[in-house]
Amino acid sequence: MRTDRGIRFPDVMIEAMRDNGKALATSEPLLVAEILSPSTTATDFGPKVMEYTALPALLHYLVLSQDQMRIWVWSRGDNGAFGEPDMHDAATVDLPGLGMTLDLLRLYAGIA
């Protein structure tokens, strides 16, 4: 994925299909998700927030705990801006920009 700082390789990315699907990078993801690890926490909550939320097409940025059912969600508001993240540890997380709900119980099955 292309950001204003260079190329990033997120753990999960969703983009709209705009071409033949053979592009090697995009600068128009709709959702980006990173899985926390001890070595990436500062980057996932720091520089990546700034880089990812600056992408005009991005609707949601997610940071997921790898060992417990906890997720932080930045969502683009109606005014087009991102606010502070919402932390979730409930069964589901709504992603209104994509018109979907994440089932955290299913996602974290066997972990939480």
PDB file of N, CA and C in Angstrom:
ATOM      1  N   MET A   1       0.851  -1.167   0.000  1.00  0.00           N
ATOM      2  CA  MET A   1       0.000   0.000   0.000  1.00  0.00           C
ATOM      3  C   MET A   1       0.898   1.232   0.000  1.00  0.00           C
ATOM      4  N   ARG A   2       0.530   2.221  -0.796  1.00  0.00           N
ATOM      5  CA  ARG A   2       1.302   3.460  -0.861  1.00  0.00           C
ATOM      6  C   ARG A   2       0.744   4.494   0.113  1.00  0.00           C
ATOM      7  N   THR A   3       1.628   5.089   0.918  1.00  0.00           N
ATOM      8  CA  THR A   3       1.262   6.218   1.763  1.00  0.00           C
ATOM      9  C   THR A   3       2.184   7.376   1.382  1.00  0.00           C
ATOM     10  N   ASP A   4       1.999   8.520   2.010  1.00  0.00           N
ATOM     11  CA  ASP A   4       2.865   9.657   1.703  1.00  0.00           C
ATOM     12  C   ASP A   4       4.294   9.436   2.187  1.00  0.00           C
ATOM     13  N   ARG A   5       4.525   8.398   2.991  1.00  0.00           N
ATOM     14  CA  ARG A   5       5.860   8.079   3.510  1.00  0.00           C
ATOM     15  C   ARG A   5       6.530   6.930   2.772  1.00  0.00           C
ATOM     16  N   GLY A   6       5.804   6.270   1.877  1.00  0.00           N
ATOM     17  CA  GLY A   6       6.376   5.141   1.154  1.00  0.00           C
ATOM     18  C   GLY A   6       5.403   3.980   1.082  1.00  0.00           C
ATOM     19  N   ILE A   7       5.938   2.784   1.068  1.00  0.00           N
ATOM     20  CA  ILE A   7       5.129   1.566   0.956  1.00  0.00           C
ATOM     21  C   ILE A   7       4.985   0.914   2.331  1.00  0.00           C
ATOM     22  N   ARG A   8       3.762   0.504   2.655  1.00  0.00           N
ATOM     23  CA  ARG A   8       3.470  -0.232   3.887  1.00  0.00           C
ATOM     24  C   ARG A   8       2.855  -1.568   3.486  1.00  0.00           C
ATOM     25  N   PHE A   9       3.045  -2.559   4.331  1.00  0.00           N
ATOM     26  CA  PHE A   9       2.487  -3.879   4.118  1.00  0.00           C
ATOM     27  C   PHE A   9       1.602  -4.239   5.305  1.00  0.00           C
ATOM     28  N   PRO A  10       0.337  -3.773   5.316  1.00  0.00           N
ATOM     29  CA  PRO A  10      -0.539  -4.054   6.452  1.00  0.00           C
ATOM     30  C   PRO A  10      -0.874  -5.547   6.523  1.00  0.00           C
ATOM     31  N   ASP A  11      -1.303  -5.979   7.706  1.00  0.00           N
ATOM     32  CA  ASP A  11      -1.686  -7.373   7.879  1.00  0.00           C
ATOM     33  C   ASP A  11      -2.942  -7.720   7.087  1.00  0.00           C
ATOM     34  N   VAL A  12      -3.895  -6.782   7.039  1.00  0.00           N
ATOM     35  CA  VAL A  12      -5.133  -6.968   6.276  1.00  0.00           C
ATOM     36  C   VAL A  12      -5.459  -5.653   5.595  1.00  0.00           C
ATOM     37  N   MET A  13      -5.934  -5.753   4.354  1.00  0.00           N
ATOM     38  CA  MET A  13      -6.337  -4.550   3.629  1.00  0.00           C
ATOM     39  C   MET A  13      -7.506  -4.916   2.720  1.00  0.00           C
ATOM     40  N   ILE A  14      -8.479  -4.019   2.658  1.00  0.00           N
ATOM     41  CA  ILE A  14      -9.607  -4.179   1.737  1.00  0.00           C
ATOM     42  C   ILE A  14      -9.625  -2.953   0.836  1.00  0.00           C
ATOM     43  N   GLU A  15      -9.729  -3.195  -0.444  1.00  0.00           N
ATOM     44  CA  GLU A  15      -9.857  -2.087  -1.387  1.00  0.00           C
ATOM     45  C   GLU A  15     -10.971  -2.397  -2.368  1.00  0.00           C
ATOM     46  N   ALA A  16     -11.522  -1.359  -2.973  1.00  0.00           N
ATOM     47  CA  ALA A  16     -12.533  -1.543  -4.006  1.00  0.00           C
ATOM     48  C   ALA A  16     -11.836  -2.054  -5.260  1.00  0.00           C
ATOM     49  N   MET A  17     -12.476  -2.951  -5.961  1.00  0.00           N
ATOM     50  CA  MET A  17     -11.911  -3.467  -7.203  1.00  0.00           C
ATOM     51  C   MET A  17     -12.091  -2.408  -8.278  1.00  0.00           C
ATOM     52  N   ARG A  18     -10.981  -1.823  -8.711  1.00  0.00           N
ATOM     53  CA  ARG A  18     -11.042  -0.737  -9.685  1.00  0.00           C
ATOM     54  C   ARG A  18     -10.427  -1.120 -11.028  1.00  0.00           C
ATOM     55  N   ASP A  19      -9.608  -2.144 -11.049  1.00  0.00           N
ATOM     56  CA  ASP A  19      -8.964  -2.521 -12.303  1.00  0.00           C
ATOM     57  C   ASP A  19      -8.989  -4.041 -12.426  1.00  0.00           C
ATOM     58  N   ASN A  20      -8.022  -4.601 -13.057  1.00  0.00           N
ATOM     59  CA  ASN A  20      -8.013  -6.046 -13.267  1.00  0.00           C
ATOM     60  C   ASN A  20      -7.512  -6.826 -12.057  1.00  0.00           C
ATOM     61  N   GLY A  21      -7.197  -6.157 -10.951  1.00  0.00           N
ATOM     62  CA  GLY A  21      -6.756  -6.831  -9.740  1.00  0.00           C
ATOM     63  C   GLY A  21      -5.300  -7.238  -9.743  1.00  0.00           C
ATOM     64  N   LYS A  22      -4.532  -6.762 -10.692  1.00  0.00           N
ATOM     65  CA  LYS A  22      -3.128  -7.158 -10.797  1.00  0.00           C
ATOM     66  C   LYS A  22      -2.146  -6.105 -10.302  1.00  0.00           C
ATOM     67  N   ALA A  23      -2.659  -4.997  -9.787  1.00  0.00           N
ATOM     68  CA  ALA A  23      -1.764  -3.951  -9.280  1.00  0.00           C
ATOM     69  C   ALA A  23      -0.992  -4.464  -8.077  1.00  0.00           C
ATOM     70  N   LEU A  24       0.247  -4.054  -7.951  1.00  0.00           N
ATOM     71  CA  LEU A  24       1.097  -4.492  -6.842  1.00  0.00           C
ATOM     72  C   LEU A  24       0.944  -3.633  -5.598  1.00  0.00           C
ATOM     73  N   ALA A  25       0.380  -2.443  -5.731  1.00  0.00           N
ATOM     74  CA  ALA A  25       0.187  -1.545  -4.588  1.00  0.00           C
ATOM     75  C   ALA A  25      -1.021  -0.662  -4.854  1.00  0.00           C
ATOM     76  N   THR A  26      -1.583  -0.130  -3.788  1.00  0.00           N
ATOM     77  CA  THR A  26      -2.713   0.785  -3.895  1.00  0.00           C
ATOM     78  C   THR A  26      -2.489   1.965  -2.961  1.00  0.00           C
ATOM     79  N   SER A  27      -3.108   3.058  -3.258  1.00  0.00           N
ATOM     80  CA  SER A  27      -3.142   4.180  -2.339  1.00  0.00           C
ATOM     81  C   SER A  27      -4.591   4.493  -1.971  1.00  0.00           C
ATOM     82  N   GLU A  28      -5.494   3.539  -2.273  1.00  0.00           N
ATOM     83  CA  GLU A  28      -6.917   3.739  -2.032  1.00  0.00           C
ATOM     84  C   GLU A  28      -7.565   2.589  -1.264  1.00  0.00           C
ATOM     85  N   PRO A  29      -6.994   2.182  -0.134  1.00  0.00           N
ATOM     86  CA  PRO A  29      -7.652   1.135   0.646  1.00  0.00           C
ATOM     87  C   PRO A  29      -8.892   1.695   1.339  1.00  0.00           C
ATOM     88  N   LEU A  30      -9.874   0.831   1.553  1.00  0.00           N
ATOM     89  CA  LEU A  30     -11.073   1.205   2.296  1.00  0.00           C
ATOM     90  C   LEU A  30     -10.922   0.861   3.775  1.00  0.00           C
ATOM     91  N   LEU A  31     -10.206  -0.229   4.051  1.00  0.00           N
ATOM     92  CA  LEU A  31      -9.963  -0.686   5.414  1.00  0.00           C
ATOM     93  C   LEU A  31      -8.538  -1.208   5.500  1.00  0.00           C
ATOM     94  N   VAL A  32      -7.864  -0.873   6.593  1.00  0.00           N
ATOM     95  CA  VAL A  32      -6.530  -1.392   6.884  1.00  0.00           C
ATOM     96  C   VAL A  32      -6.565  -1.902   8.313  1.00  0.00           C
ATOM     97  N   ALA A  33      -5.992  -3.095   8.533  1.00  0.00           N
ATOM     98  CA  ALA A  33      -5.932  -3.670   9.875  1.00  0.00           C
ATOM     99  C   ALA A  33      -4.521  -4.152  10.158  1.00  0.00           C
ATOM    100  N   GLU A  34      -4.095  -3.912  11.396  1.00  0.00           N
ATOM    101  CA  GLU A  34      -2.795  -4.374  11.870  1.00  0.00           C
ATOM    102  C   GLU A  34      -3.017  -5.219  13.116  1.00  0.00           C
ATOM    103  N   ILE A  35      -2.257  -6.308  13.234  1.00  0.00           N
ATOM    104  CA  ILE A  35      -2.290  -7.171  14.405  1.00  0.00           C
ATOM    105  C   ILE A  35      -1.131  -6.762  15.306  1.00  0.00           C
ATOM    106  N   LEU A  36      -1.444  -6.452  16.559  1.00  0.00           N
ATOM    107  CA  LEU A  36      -0.412  -6.008  17.491  1.00  0.00           C
ATOM    108  C   LEU A  36       0.589  -7.102  17.811  1.00  0.00           C
ATOM    109  N   SER A  37       1.826  -6.709  17.930  1.00  0.00           N
ATOM    110  CA  SER A  37       2.861  -7.563  18.496  1.00  0.00           C
ATOM    111  C   SER A  37       3.742  -6.643  19.330  1.00  0.00           C
ATOM    112  N   PRO A  38       4.514  -7.189  20.253  1.00  0.00           N
ATOM    113  CA  PRO A  38       5.344  -6.326  21.094  1.00  0.00           C
ATOM    114  C   PRO A  38       6.268  -5.408  20.293  1.00  0.00           C
ATOM    115  N   SER A  39       6.727  -5.873  19.149  1.00  0.00           N
ATOM    116  CA  SER A  39       7.669  -5.063  18.367  1.00  0.00           C
ATOM    117  C   SER A  39       6.991  -4.014  17.486  1.00  0.00           C
ATOM    118  N   THR A  40       5.653  -4.083  17.306  1.00  0.00           N
ATOM    119  CA  THR A  40       4.984  -3.133  16.413  1.00  0.00           C
ATOM    120  C   THR A  40       4.027  -2.176  17.100  1.00  0.00           C
ATOM    121  N   THR A  41       3.820  -2.321  18.400  1.00  0.00           N
ATOM    122  CA  THR A  41       2.809  -1.508  19.097  1.00  0.00           C
ATOM    123  C   THR A  41       3.017  -0.014  18.892  1.00  0.00           C
ATOM    124  N   ALA A  42       4.214   0.476  19.093  1.00  0.00           N
ATOM    125  CA  ALA A  42       4.472   1.917  18.965  1.00  0.00           C
ATOM    126  C   ALA A  42       4.211   2.394  17.545  1.00  0.00           C
ATOM    127  N   THR A  43       4.556   1.605  16.563  1.00  0.00           N
ATOM    128  CA  THR A  43       4.345   1.986  15.153  1.00  0.00           C
ATOM    129  C   THR A  43       2.870   1.918  14.785  1.00  0.00           C
ATOM    130  N   ASP A  44       2.172   0.857  15.223  1.00  0.00           N
ATOM    131  CA  ASP A  44       0.755   0.689  14.888  1.00  0.00           C
ATOM    132  C   ASP A  44      -0.109   1.788  15.479  1.00  0.00           C
ATOM    133  N   PHE A  45       0.244   2.282  16.677  1.00  0.00           N
ATOM    134  CA  PHE A  45      -0.518   3.351  17.326  1.00  0.00           C
ATOM    135  C   PHE A  45       0.092   4.730  17.076  1.00  0.00           C
ATOM    136  N   GLY A  46       1.184   4.821  16.366  1.00  0.00           N
ATOM    137  CA  GLY A  46       1.862   6.091  16.121  1.00  0.00           C
ATOM    138  C   GLY A  46       1.892   6.454  14.652  1.00  0.00           C
ATOM    139  N   PRO A  47       3.030   6.238  14.001  1.00  0.00           N
ATOM    140  CA  PRO A  47       3.173   6.658  12.600  1.00  0.00           C
ATOM    141  C   PRO A  47       2.135   6.075  11.653  1.00  0.00           C
ATOM    142  N   LYS A  48       1.749   4.821  11.867  1.00  0.00           N
ATOM    143  CA  LYS A  48       0.778   4.224  10.950  1.00  0.00           C
ATOM    144  C   LYS A  48      -0.580   4.911  11.040  1.00  0.00           C
ATOM    145  N   VAL A  49      -0.976   5.350  12.227  1.00  0.00           N
ATOM    146  CA  VAL A  49      -2.248   6.075  12.357  1.00  0.00           C
ATOM    147  C   VAL A  49      -2.209   7.318  11.476  1.00  0.00           C
ATOM    148  N   MET A  50      -1.128   8.065  11.557  1.00  0.00           N
ATOM    149  CA  MET A  50      -0.999   9.298  10.779  1.00  0.00           C
ATOM    150  C   MET A  50      -0.983   9.013   9.275  1.00  0.00           C
ATOM    151  N   GLU A  51      -0.213   8.008   8.872  1.00  0.00           N
ATOM    152  CA  GLU A  51      -0.105   7.680   7.445  1.00  0.00           C
ATOM    153  C   GLU A  51      -1.419   7.137   6.889  1.00  0.00           C
ATOM    154  N   TYR A  52      -2.008   6.187   7.593  1.00  0.00           N
ATOM    155  CA  TYR A  52      -3.206   5.546   7.074  1.00  0.00           C
ATOM    156  C   TYR A  52      -4.398   6.496   7.048  1.00  0.00           C
ATOM    157  N   THR A  53      -4.613   7.245   8.122  1.00  0.00           N
ATOM    158  CA  THR A  53      -5.788   8.123   8.162  1.00  0.00           C
ATOM    159  C   THR A  53      -5.645   9.318   7.224  1.00  0.00           C
ATOM    160  N   ALA A  54      -4.467   9.539   6.675  1.00  0.00           N
ATOM    161  CA  ALA A  54      -4.286  10.595   5.674  1.00  0.00           C
ATOM    162  C   ALA A  54      -4.702  10.140   4.272  1.00  0.00           C
ATOM    163  N   LEU A  55      -4.947   8.853   4.097  1.00  0.00           N
ATOM    164  CA  LEU A  55      -5.358   8.338   2.783  1.00  0.00           C
ATOM    165  C   LEU A  55      -6.819   8.700   2.540  1.00  0.00           C
ATOM    166  N   PRO A  56      -7.128   9.424   1.471  1.00  0.00           N
ATOM    167  CA  PRO A  56      -8.489   9.925   1.250  1.00  0.00           C
ATOM    168  C   PRO A  56      -9.572   8.857   1.160  1.00  0.00           C
ATOM    169  N   ALA A  57      -9.264   7.687   0.646  1.00  0.00           N
ATOM    170  CA  ALA A  57     -10.281   6.644   0.469  1.00  0.00           C
ATOM    171  C   ALA A  57     -10.526   5.833   1.734  1.00  0.00           C
ATOM    172  N   LEU A  58      -9.611   5.884   2.699  1.00  0.00           N
ATOM    173  CA  LEU A  58      -9.715   5.019   3.877  1.00  0.00           C
ATOM    174  C   LEU A  58     -10.955   5.358   4.709  1.00  0.00           C
ATOM    175  N   LEU A  59     -11.694   4.308   5.089  1.00  0.00           N
ATOM    176  CA  LEU A  59     -12.879   4.468   5.924  1.00  0.00           C
ATOM    177  C   LEU A  59     -12.637   4.005   7.350  1.00  0.00           C
ATOM    178  N   HIS A  60     -11.805   2.950   7.528  1.00  0.00           N
ATOM    179  CA  HIS A  60     -11.553   2.389   8.852  1.00  0.00           C
ATOM    180  C   HIS A  60     -10.113   1.912   8.964  1.00  0.00           C
ATOM    181  N   TYR A  61      -9.497   2.188  10.110  1.00  0.00           N
ATOM    182  CA  TYR A  61      -8.195   1.623  10.468  1.00  0.00           C
ATOM    183  C   TYR A  61      -8.398   0.847  11.757  1.00  0.00           C
ATOM    184  N   LEU A  62      -7.993  -0.423  11.772  1.00  0.00           N
ATOM    185  CA  LEU A  62      -8.182  -1.290  12.923  1.00  0.00           C
ATOM    186  C   LEU A  62      -6.835  -1.779  13.436  1.00  0.00           C
ATOM    187  N   VAL A  63      -6.708  -1.820  14.747  1.00  0.00           N
ATOM    188  CA  VAL A  63      -5.559  -2.444  15.408  1.00  0.00           C
ATOM    189  C   VAL A  63      -6.139  -3.512  16.323  1.00  0.00           C
ATOM    190  N   LEU A  64      -5.713  -4.755  16.119  1.00  0.00           N
ATOM    191  CA  LEU A  64      -6.262  -5.886  16.853  1.00  0.00           C
ATOM    192  C   LEU A  64      -5.224  -6.494  17.773  1.00  0.00           C
ATOM    193  N   SER A  65      -5.644  -6.773  18.999  1.00  0.00           N
ATOM    194  CA  SER A  65      -4.797  -7.509  19.924  1.00  0.00           C
ATOM    195  C   SER A  65      -4.655  -8.926  19.399  1.00  0.00           C
ATOM    196  N   GLN A  66      -3.485  -9.509  19.553  1.00  0.00           N
ATOM    197  CA  GLN A  66      -3.307 -10.878  19.059  1.00  0.00           C
ATOM    198  C   GLN A  66      -3.647 -11.938  20.095  1.00  0.00           C
ATOM    199  N   ASP A  67      -3.747 -11.566  21.372  1.00  0.00           N
ATOM    200  CA  ASP A  67      -3.933 -12.578  22.398  1.00  0.00           C
ATOM    201  C   ASP A  67      -5.155 -12.378  23.294  1.00  0.00           C
ATOM    202  N   GLN A  68      -5.966 -11.365  22.986  1.00  0.00           N
ATOM    203  CA  GLN A  68      -7.218 -11.179  23.712  1.00  0.00           C
ATOM    204  C   GLN A  68      -8.197 -10.464  22.807  1.00  0.00           C
ATOM    205  N   MET A  69      -9.497 -10.614  23.072  1.00  0.00           N
ATOM    206  CA  MET A  69     -10.519 -10.018  22.226  1.00  0.00           C
ATOM    207  C   MET A  69     -10.595  -8.519  22.499  1.00  0.00           C
ATOM    208  N   ARG A  70      -9.786  -7.774  21.784  1.00  0.00           N
ATOM    209  CA  ARG A  70      -9.743  -6.317  21.925  1.00  0.00           C
ATOM    210  C   ARG A  70      -9.318  -5.730  20.589  1.00  0.00           C
ATOM    211  N   ILE A  71     -10.045  -4.690  20.166  1.00  0.00           N
ATOM    212  CA  ILE A  71      -9.771  -4.049  18.886  1.00  0.00           C
ATOM    213  C   ILE A  71      -9.976  -2.547  19.031  1.00  0.00           C
ATOM    214  N   TRP A  72      -9.084  -1.786  18.410  1.00  0.00           N
ATOM    215  CA  TRP A  72      -9.194  -0.330  18.369  1.00  0.00           C
ATOM    216  C   TRP A  72      -9.572   0.043  16.951  1.00  0.00           C
ATOM    217  N   VAL A  73     -10.580   0.923  16.822  1.00  0.00           N
ATOM    218  CA  VAL A  73     -11.109   1.270  15.508  1.00  0.00           C
ATOM    219  C   VAL A  73     -11.120   2.787  15.332  1.00  0.00           C
ATOM    220  N   TRP A  74     -10.440   3.243  14.279  1.00  0.00           N
ATOM    221  CA  TRP A  74     -10.537   4.625  13.833  1.00  0.00           C
ATOM    222  C   TRP A  74     -11.495   4.608  12.647  1.00  0.00           C
ATOM    223  N   SER A  75     -12.504   5.468  12.664  1.00  0.00           N
ATOM    224  CA  SER A  75     -13.473   5.527  11.576  1.00  0.00           C
ATOM    225  C   SER A  75     -13.596   6.954  11.070  1.00  0.00           C
ATOM    226  N   ARG A  76     -13.735   7.075   9.761  1.00  0.00           N
ATOM    227  CA  ARG A  76     -13.939   8.397   9.158  1.00  0.00           C
ATOM    228  C   ARG A  76     -15.358   8.844   9.487  1.00  0.00           C
ATOM    229  N   GLY A  77     -15.487  10.027  10.046  1.00  0.00           N
ATOM    230  CA  GLY A  77     -16.790  10.557  10.418  1.00  0.00           C
ATOM    231  C   GLY A  77     -17.527  11.171   9.234  1.00  0.00           C
ATOM    232  N   ASP A  78     -18.752  11.584   9.486  1.00  0.00           N
ATOM    233  CA  ASP A  78     -19.560  12.223   8.443  1.00  0.00           C
ATOM    234  C   ASP A  78     -18.910  13.487   7.906  1.00  0.00           C
ATOM    235  N   ASN A  79     -18.062  14.121   8.731  1.00  0.00           N
ATOM    236  CA  ASN A  79     -17.381  15.345   8.306  1.00  0.00           C
ATOM    237  C   ASN A  79     -16.108  15.040   7.505  1.00  0.00           C
ATOM    238  N   GLY A  80     -15.817  13.746   7.313  1.00  0.00           N
ATOM    239  CA  GLY A  80     -14.649  13.354   6.528  1.00  0.00           C
ATOM    240  C   GLY A  80     -13.375  13.205   7.327  1.00  0.00           C
ATOM    241  N   ALA A  81     -13.432  13.480   8.628  1.00  0.00           N
ATOM    242  CA  ALA A  81     -12.229  13.417   9.472  1.00  0.00           C
ATOM    243  C   ALA A  81     -12.260  12.183  10.369  1.00  0.00           C
ATOM    244  N   PHE A  82     -11.079  11.771  10.793  1.00  0.00           N
ATOM    245  CA  PHE A  82     -10.943  10.692  11.769  1.00  0.00           C
ATOM    246  C   PHE A  82     -10.830  11.309  13.152  1.00  0.00           C
ATOM    247  N   GLY A  83     -11.489  10.696  14.110  1.00  0.00           N
ATOM    248  CA  GLY A  83     -11.367  11.123  15.492  1.00  0.00           C
ATOM    249  C   GLY A  83     -10.473  10.171  16.254  1.00  0.00           C
ATOM    250  N   GLU A  84     -10.649  10.135  17.548  1.00  0.00           N
ATOM    251  CA  GLU A  84      -9.917   9.206  18.400  1.00  0.00           C
ATOM    252  C   GLU A  84     -10.450   7.792  18.161  1.00  0.00           C
ATOM    253  N   PRO A  85      -9.640   6.787  18.438  1.00  0.00           N
ATOM    254  CA  PRO A  85     -10.123   5.417  18.226  1.00  0.00           C
ATOM    255  C   PRO A  85     -11.128   5.003  19.299  1.00  0.00           C
ATOM    256  N   ASP A  86     -12.012   4.108  18.917  1.00  0.00           N
ATOM    257  CA  ASP A  86     -12.905   3.458  19.863  1.00  0.00           C
ATOM    258  C   ASP A  86     -12.318   2.092  20.161  1.00  0.00           C
ATOM    259  N   MET A  87     -12.206   1.741  21.443  1.00  0.00           N
ATOM    260  CA  MET A  87     -11.713   0.428  21.833  1.00  0.00           C
ATOM    261  C   MET A  87     -12.919  -0.467  22.086  1.00  0.00           C
ATOM    262  N   HIS A  88     -12.885  -1.663  21.506  1.00  0.00           N
ATOM    263  CA  HIS A  88     -13.995  -2.609  21.650  1.00  0.00           C
ATOM    264  C   HIS A  88     -13.483  -3.929  22.208  1.00  0.00           C
ATOM    265  N   ASP A  89     -14.246  -4.499  23.133  1.00  0.00           N
ATOM    266  CA  ASP A  89     -13.971  -5.849  23.603  1.00  0.00           C
ATOM    267  C   ASP A  89     -15.279  -6.618  23.747  1.00  0.00           C
ATOM    268  N   ALA A  90     -16.299  -6.154  23.017  1.00  0.00           N
ATOM    269  CA  ALA A  90     -17.605  -6.807  23.010  1.00  0.00           C
ATOM    270  C   ALA A  90     -17.656  -7.818  21.859  1.00  0.00           C
ATOM    271  N   ALA A  91     -18.790  -8.446  21.675  1.00  0.00           N
ATOM    272  CA  ALA A  91     -18.931  -9.519  20.701  1.00  0.00           C
ATOM    273  C   ALA A  91     -18.857  -9.052  19.252  1.00  0.00           C
ATOM    274  N   THR A  92     -19.279  -7.817  18.987  1.00  0.00           N
ATOM    275  CA  THR A  92     -19.290  -7.339  17.600  1.00  0.00           C
ATOM    276  C   THR A  92     -18.774  -5.904  17.525  1.00  0.00           C
ATOM    277  N   VAL A  93     -18.313  -5.543  16.337  1.00  0.00           N
ATOM    278  CA  VAL A  93     -17.871  -4.182  16.048  1.00  0.00           C
ATOM    279  C   VAL A  93     -18.486  -3.770  14.723  1.00  0.00           C
ATOM    280  N   ASP A  94     -19.228  -2.666  14.732  1.00  0.00           N
ATOM    281  CA  ASP A  94     -19.821  -2.148  13.504  1.00  0.00           C
ATOM    282  C   ASP A  94     -18.802  -1.335  12.735  1.00  0.00           C
ATOM    283  N   LEU A  95     -18.779  -1.533  11.430  1.00  0.00           N
ATOM    284  CA  LEU A  95     -17.967  -0.749  10.506  1.00  0.00           C
ATOM    285  C   LEU A  95     -18.913  -0.110   9.496  1.00  0.00           C
ATOM    286  N   PRO A  96     -19.534   1.013   9.887  1.00  0.00           N
ATOM    287  CA  PRO A  96     -20.590   1.598   9.055  1.00  0.00           C
ATOM    288  C   PRO A  96     -20.110   2.034   7.669  1.00  0.00           C
ATOM    289  N   GLY A  97     -18.856   2.441   7.547  1.00  0.00           N
ATOM    290  CA  GLY A  97     -18.350   2.850   6.244  1.00  0.00           C
ATOM    291  C   GLY A  97     -18.388   1.740   5.220  1.00  0.00           C
ATOM    292  N   LEU A  98     -18.310   0.502   5.687  1.00  0.00           N
ATOM    293  CA  LEU A  98     -18.352  -0.666   4.802  1.00  0.00           C
ATOM    294  C   LEU A  98     -19.694  -1.392   4.879  1.00  0.00           C
ATOM    295  N   GLY A  99     -20.591  -0.914   5.755  1.00  0.00           N
ATOM    296  CA  GLY A  99     -21.895  -1.550   5.901  1.00  0.00           C
ATOM    297  C   GLY A  99     -21.793  -2.973   6.419  1.00  0.00           C
ATOM    298  N   MET A 100     -20.871  -3.199   7.360  1.00  0.00           N
ATOM    299  CA  MET A 100     -20.694  -4.553   7.881  1.00  0.00           C
ATOM    300  C   MET A 100     -20.420  -4.533   9.380  1.00  0.00           C
ATOM    301  N   THR A 101     -20.539  -5.691   9.974  1.00  0.00           N
ATOM    302  CA  THR A 101     -20.260  -5.884  11.396  1.00  0.00           C
ATOM    303  C   THR A 101     -19.258  -7.020  11.526  1.00  0.00           C
ATOM    304  N   LEU A 102     -18.188  -6.788  12.296  1.00  0.00           N
ATOM    305  CA  LEU A 102     -17.216  -7.839  12.584  1.00  0.00           C
ATOM    306  C   LEU A 102     -17.697  -8.661  13.767  1.00  0.00           C
ATOM    307  N   ASP A 103     -17.678  -9.960  13.632  1.00  0.00           N
ATOM    308  CA  ASP A 103     -18.033 -10.878  14.702  1.00  0.00           C
ATOM    309  C   ASP A 103     -16.753 -11.233  15.448  1.00  0.00           C
ATOM    310  N   LEU A 104     -16.480 -10.533  16.544  1.00  0.00           N
ATOM    311  CA  LEU A 104     -15.234 -10.754  17.280  1.00  0.00           C
ATOM    312  C   LEU A 104     -15.191 -12.121  17.954  1.00  0.00           C
ATOM    313  N   LEU A 105     -16.344 -12.644  18.361  1.00  0.00           N
ATOM    314  CA  LEU A 105     -16.355 -13.976  18.962  1.00  0.00           C
ATOM    315  C   LEU A 105     -15.845 -15.011  17.957  1.00  0.00           C
ATOM    316  N   ARG A 106     -16.254 -14.878  16.738  1.00  0.00           N
ATOM    317  CA  ARG A 106     -15.790 -15.806  15.683  1.00  0.00           C
ATOM    318  C   ARG A 106     -14.344 -15.542  15.317  1.00  0.00           C
ATOM    319  N   LEU A 107     -13.987 -14.258  15.195  1.00  0.00           N
ATOM    320  CA  LEU A 107     -12.636 -13.884  14.828  1.00  0.00           C
ATOM    321  C   LEU A 107     -11.620 -14.358  15.867  1.00  0.00           C
ATOM    322  N   TYR A 108     -11.987 -14.266  17.131  1.00  0.00           N
ATOM    323  CA  TYR A 108     -11.083 -14.640  18.219  1.00  0.00           C
ATOM    324  C   TYR A 108     -11.362 -16.041  18.768  1.00  0.00           C
ATOM    325  N   ALA A 109     -12.134 -16.842  18.074  1.00  0.00           N
ATOM    326  CA  ALA A 109     -12.432 -18.199  18.541  1.00  0.00           C
ATOM    327  C   ALA A 109     -11.132 -18.953  18.803  1.00  0.00           C
ATOM    328  N   GLY A 110     -11.042 -19.553  19.974  1.00  0.00           N
ATOM    329  CA  GLY A 110      -9.847 -20.295  20.346  1.00  0.00           C
ATOM    330  C   GLY A 110      -8.756 -19.453  20.984  1.00  0.00           C
ATOM    331  N   ILE A 111      -8.951 -18.139  20.978  1.00  0.00           N
ATOM    332  CA  ILE A 111      -7.967 -17.224  21.565  1.00  0.00           C
ATOM    333  C   ILE A 111      -8.516 -16.610  22.841  1.00  0.00           C
ATOM    334  N   ALA A 112      -9.739 -16.086  22.751  1.00  0.00           N
ATOM    335  CA  ALA A 112     -10.342 -15.376  23.891  1.00  0.00           C
ATOM    336  C   ALA A 112     -11.314 -16.271  24.631  1.00  0.00           C
TER     337      ALA A 112
END
